[in-house]
């Protein structure tokens, strides 16, 4: 297998979703650096599951992801994340949506 093919396979593996479980969140927290943690958390958010447990885990992933993006000074990516999450916000109670949105927006530079 050529290096190019290996890279394509790795790239597709990295973009696949991870289950929205506490194990996936732990994996993100144990990652070797912030970029890897961010990548893992994005993959957790791609999980199509909408069970109560998955939604709670995704809420935690969003909180952790916004914290990592803030620490890494990735404000534009944080703005984009909030925009991309609009469909998810329709799945959770409005109070939780407001809490996540307010917490995230407070992290954006003014």
C-alpha atoms as a PDB file:
ATOM      1  CA  UNK A   1       0.000   0.000   0.000  1.00  0.00           C
ATOM      2  CA  UNK A   2       1.313   3.432  -0.933  1.00  0.00           C
ATOM      3  CA  UNK A   3       1.712   6.200   1.638  1.00  0.00           C
ATOM      4  CA  UNK A   4      -0.952   8.234  -0.172  1.00  0.00           C
ATOM      5  CA  UNK A   5      -3.458   5.393   0.220  1.00  0.00           C
ATOM      6  CA  UNK A   6      -2.562   4.973   3.883  1.00  0.00           C
ATOM      7  CA  UNK A   7      -3.114   8.691   4.448  1.00  0.00           C
ATOM      8  CA  UNK A   8      -6.517   8.542   2.771  1.00  0.00           C
ATOM      9  CA  UNK A   9      -7.525   5.588   4.937  1.00  0.00           C
ATOM     10  CA  UNK A  10      -6.330   7.316   8.119  1.00  0.00           C
ATOM     11  CA  UNK A  11      -8.143  10.487   7.110  1.00  0.00           C
ATOM     12  CA  UNK A  12     -11.413   8.617   6.585  1.00  0.00           C
ATOM     13  CA  UNK A  13     -10.967   6.770   9.883  1.00  0.00           C
ATOM     14  CA  UNK A  14     -10.366  10.019  11.729  1.00  0.00           C
ATOM     15  CA  UNK A  15     -13.530  11.536  10.310  1.00  0.00           C
ATOM     16  CA  UNK A  16     -15.774   8.621  11.326  1.00  0.00           C
ATOM     17  CA  UNK A  17     -18.030   9.161  14.299  1.00  0.00           C
ATOM     18  CA  UNK A  18     -17.374   7.863  17.778  1.00  0.00           C
ATOM     19  CA  UNK A  19     -20.185   6.658  20.028  1.00  0.00           C
ATOM     20  CA  UNK A  20     -21.584   9.333  22.331  1.00  0.00           C
ATOM     21  CA  UNK A  21     -20.497   7.583  25.517  1.00  0.00           C
ATOM     22  CA  UNK A  22     -18.551   8.508  28.617  1.00  0.00           C
ATOM     23  CA  UNK A  23     -15.727   6.315  27.293  1.00  0.00           C
ATOM     24  CA  UNK A  24     -15.389   8.572  24.246  1.00  0.00           C
ATOM     25  CA  UNK A  25     -15.322  11.663  26.472  1.00  0.00           C
ATOM     26  CA  UNK A  26     -12.623  10.017  28.598  1.00  0.00           C
ATOM     27  CA  UNK A  27     -10.650   9.246  25.441  1.00  0.00           C
ATOM     28  CA  UNK A  28     -10.770  12.944  24.520  1.00  0.00           C
ATOM     29  CA  UNK A  29      -9.577  13.957  27.990  1.00  0.00           C
ATOM     30  CA  UNK A  30      -6.701  11.465  27.807  1.00  0.00           C
ATOM     31  CA  UNK A  31      -5.564  12.620  24.359  1.00  0.00           C
ATOM     32  CA  UNK A  32      -1.951  13.660  23.946  1.00  0.00           C
ATOM     33  CA  UNK A  33      -2.816  17.241  22.964  1.00  0.00           C
ATOM     34  CA  UNK A  34      -5.690  19.679  22.532  1.00  0.00           C
ATOM     35  CA  UNK A  35      -5.937  19.126  18.771  1.00  0.00           C
ATOM     36  CA  UNK A  36      -6.487  15.409  19.252  1.00  0.00           C
ATOM     37  CA  UNK A  37      -9.067  16.080  21.982  1.00  0.00           C
ATOM     38  CA  UNK A  38     -10.894  18.502  19.684  1.00  0.00           C
ATOM     39  CA  UNK A  39     -10.917  15.932  16.878  1.00  0.00           C
ATOM     40  CA  UNK A  40     -12.316  13.231  19.167  1.00  0.00           C
ATOM     41  CA  UNK A  41     -15.051  15.526  20.492  1.00  0.00           C
ATOM     42  CA  UNK A  42     -16.134  16.497  16.969  1.00  0.00           C
ATOM     43  CA  UNK A  43     -16.398  12.782  16.170  1.00  0.00           C
ATOM     44  CA  UNK A  44     -18.575  12.236  19.261  1.00  0.00           C
ATOM     45  CA  UNK A  45     -20.923  14.966  18.042  1.00  0.00           C
ATOM     46  CA  UNK A  46     -21.283  13.113  14.719  1.00  0.00           C
ATOM     47  CA  UNK A  47     -22.903  10.124  16.457  1.00  0.00           C
ATOM     48  CA  UNK A  48     -26.454   9.968  15.055  1.00  0.00           C
ATOM     49  CA  UNK A  49     -27.892   8.545  18.303  1.00  0.00           C
ATOM     50  CA  UNK A  50     -30.475  10.694  20.051  1.00  0.00           C
ATOM     51  CA  UNK A  51     -31.076   8.607  23.173  1.00  0.00           C
ATOM     52  CA  UNK A  52     -31.213  10.483  26.466  1.00  0.00           C
ATOM     53  CA  UNK A  53     -27.750   9.215  27.423  1.00  0.00           C
ATOM     54  CA  UNK A  54     -26.276  10.160  24.038  1.00  0.00           C
ATOM     55  CA  UNK A  55     -27.758  13.668  24.268  1.00  0.00           C
ATOM     56  CA  UNK A  56     -26.273  14.150  27.759  1.00  0.00           C
ATOM     57  CA  UNK A  57     -22.909  12.946  26.498  1.00  0.00           C
ATOM     58  CA  UNK A  58     -23.078  15.287  23.503  1.00  0.00           C
ATOM     59  CA  UNK A  59     -23.874  18.195  25.837  1.00  0.00           C
ATOM     60  CA  UNK A  60     -20.717  17.350  27.779  1.00  0.00           C
ATOM     61  CA  UNK A  61     -18.774  17.045  24.530  1.00  0.00           C
ATOM     62  CA  UNK A  62     -19.985  20.512  23.488  1.00  0.00           C
ATOM     63  CA  UNK A  63     -18.924  22.000  26.818  1.00  0.00           C
ATOM     64  CA  UNK A  64     -15.492  20.372  26.610  1.00  0.00           C
ATOM     65  CA  UNK A  65     -15.090  21.276  22.945  1.00  0.00           C
ATOM     66  CA  UNK A  66     -15.908  24.942  23.548  1.00  0.00           C
ATOM     67  CA  UNK A  67     -13.357  24.996  26.363  1.00  0.00           C
ATOM     68  CA  UNK A  68     -10.644  23.472  24.156  1.00  0.00           C
ATOM     69  CA  UNK A  69     -11.420  25.816  21.264  1.00  0.00           C
ATOM     70  CA  UNK A  70     -11.221  28.787  23.614  1.00  0.00           C
ATOM     71  CA  UNK A  71      -7.909  27.687  25.116  1.00  0.00           C
ATOM     72  CA  UNK A  72      -6.521  27.210  21.617  1.00  0.00           C
ATOM     73  CA  UNK A  73      -7.751  30.693  20.528  1.00  0.00           C
ATOM     74  CA  UNK A  74      -9.919  29.204  17.783  1.00  0.00           C
ATOM     75  CA  UNK A  75     -12.753  31.728  18.054  1.00  0.00           C
ATOM     76  CA  UNK A  76     -13.895  31.448  14.430  1.00  0.00           C
ATOM     77  CA  UNK A  77     -14.148  27.672  14.758  1.00  0.00           C
ATOM     78  CA  UNK A  78     -16.168  28.141  17.955  1.00  0.00           C
ATOM     79  CA  UNK A  79     -18.568  30.468  16.143  1.00  0.00           C
ATOM     80  CA  UNK A  80     -18.936  27.916  13.349  1.00  0.00           C
ATOM     81  CA  UNK A  81     -19.531  25.143  15.860  1.00  0.00           C
ATOM     82  CA  UNK A  82     -22.423  27.019  17.445  1.00  0.00           C
ATOM     83  CA  UNK A  83     -23.952  27.544  14.007  1.00  0.00           C
ATOM     84  CA  UNK A  84     -23.532  23.873  13.081  1.00  0.00           C
ATOM     85  CA  UNK A  85     -25.141  22.781  16.351  1.00  0.00           C
ATOM     86  CA  UNK A  86     -28.498  24.442  15.670  1.00  0.00           C
ATOM     87  CA  UNK A  87     -30.148  21.137  14.644  1.00  0.00           C
ATOM     88  CA  UNK A  88     -28.836  19.513  17.836  1.00  0.00           C
ATOM     89  CA  UNK A  89     -30.200  22.341  19.950  1.00  0.00           C
ATOM     90  CA  UNK A  90     -33.687  21.501  18.679  1.00  0.00           C
ATOM     91  CA  UNK A  91     -33.356  18.074  20.337  1.00  0.00           C
ATOM     92  CA  UNK A  92     -32.653  19.327  23.852  1.00  0.00           C
ATOM     93  CA  UNK A  93     -34.738  21.493  26.184  1.00  0.00           C
ATOM     94  CA  UNK A  94     -34.575  25.240  25.560  1.00  0.00           C
ATOM     95  CA  UNK A  95     -33.091  25.887  28.999  1.00  0.00           C
ATOM     96  CA  UNK A  96     -30.132  23.610  28.223  1.00  0.00           C
ATOM     97  CA  UNK A  97     -29.748  25.188  24.798  1.00  0.00           C
ATOM     98  CA  UNK A  98     -29.662  28.623  26.374  1.00  0.00           C
ATOM     99  CA  UNK A  99     -27.146  27.500  28.981  1.00  0.00           C
ATOM    100  CA  UNK A 100     -24.803  25.982  26.386  1.00  0.00           C
ATOM    101  CA  UNK A 101     -25.158  28.982  24.079  1.00  0.00           C
ATOM    102  CA  UNK A 102     -24.535  31.532  26.838  1.00  0.00           C
ATOM    103  CA  UNK A 103     -21.559  29.608  28.217  1.00  0.00           C
ATOM    104  CA  UNK A 104     -20.082  29.286  24.742  1.00  0.00           C
ATOM    105  CA  UNK A 105     -20.689  32.877  23.720  1.00  0.00           C
ATOM    106  CA  UNK A 106     -19.019  34.108  26.911  1.00  0.00           C
ATOM    107  CA  UNK A 107     -15.864  32.371  25.732  1.00  0.00           C
ATOM    108  CA  UNK A 108     -15.792  34.238  22.429  1.00  0.00           C
ATOM    109  CA  UNK A 109     -13.507  37.279  22.289  1.00  0.00           C
ATOM    110  CA  UNK A 110     -15.338  40.573  22.213  1.00  0.00           C
END
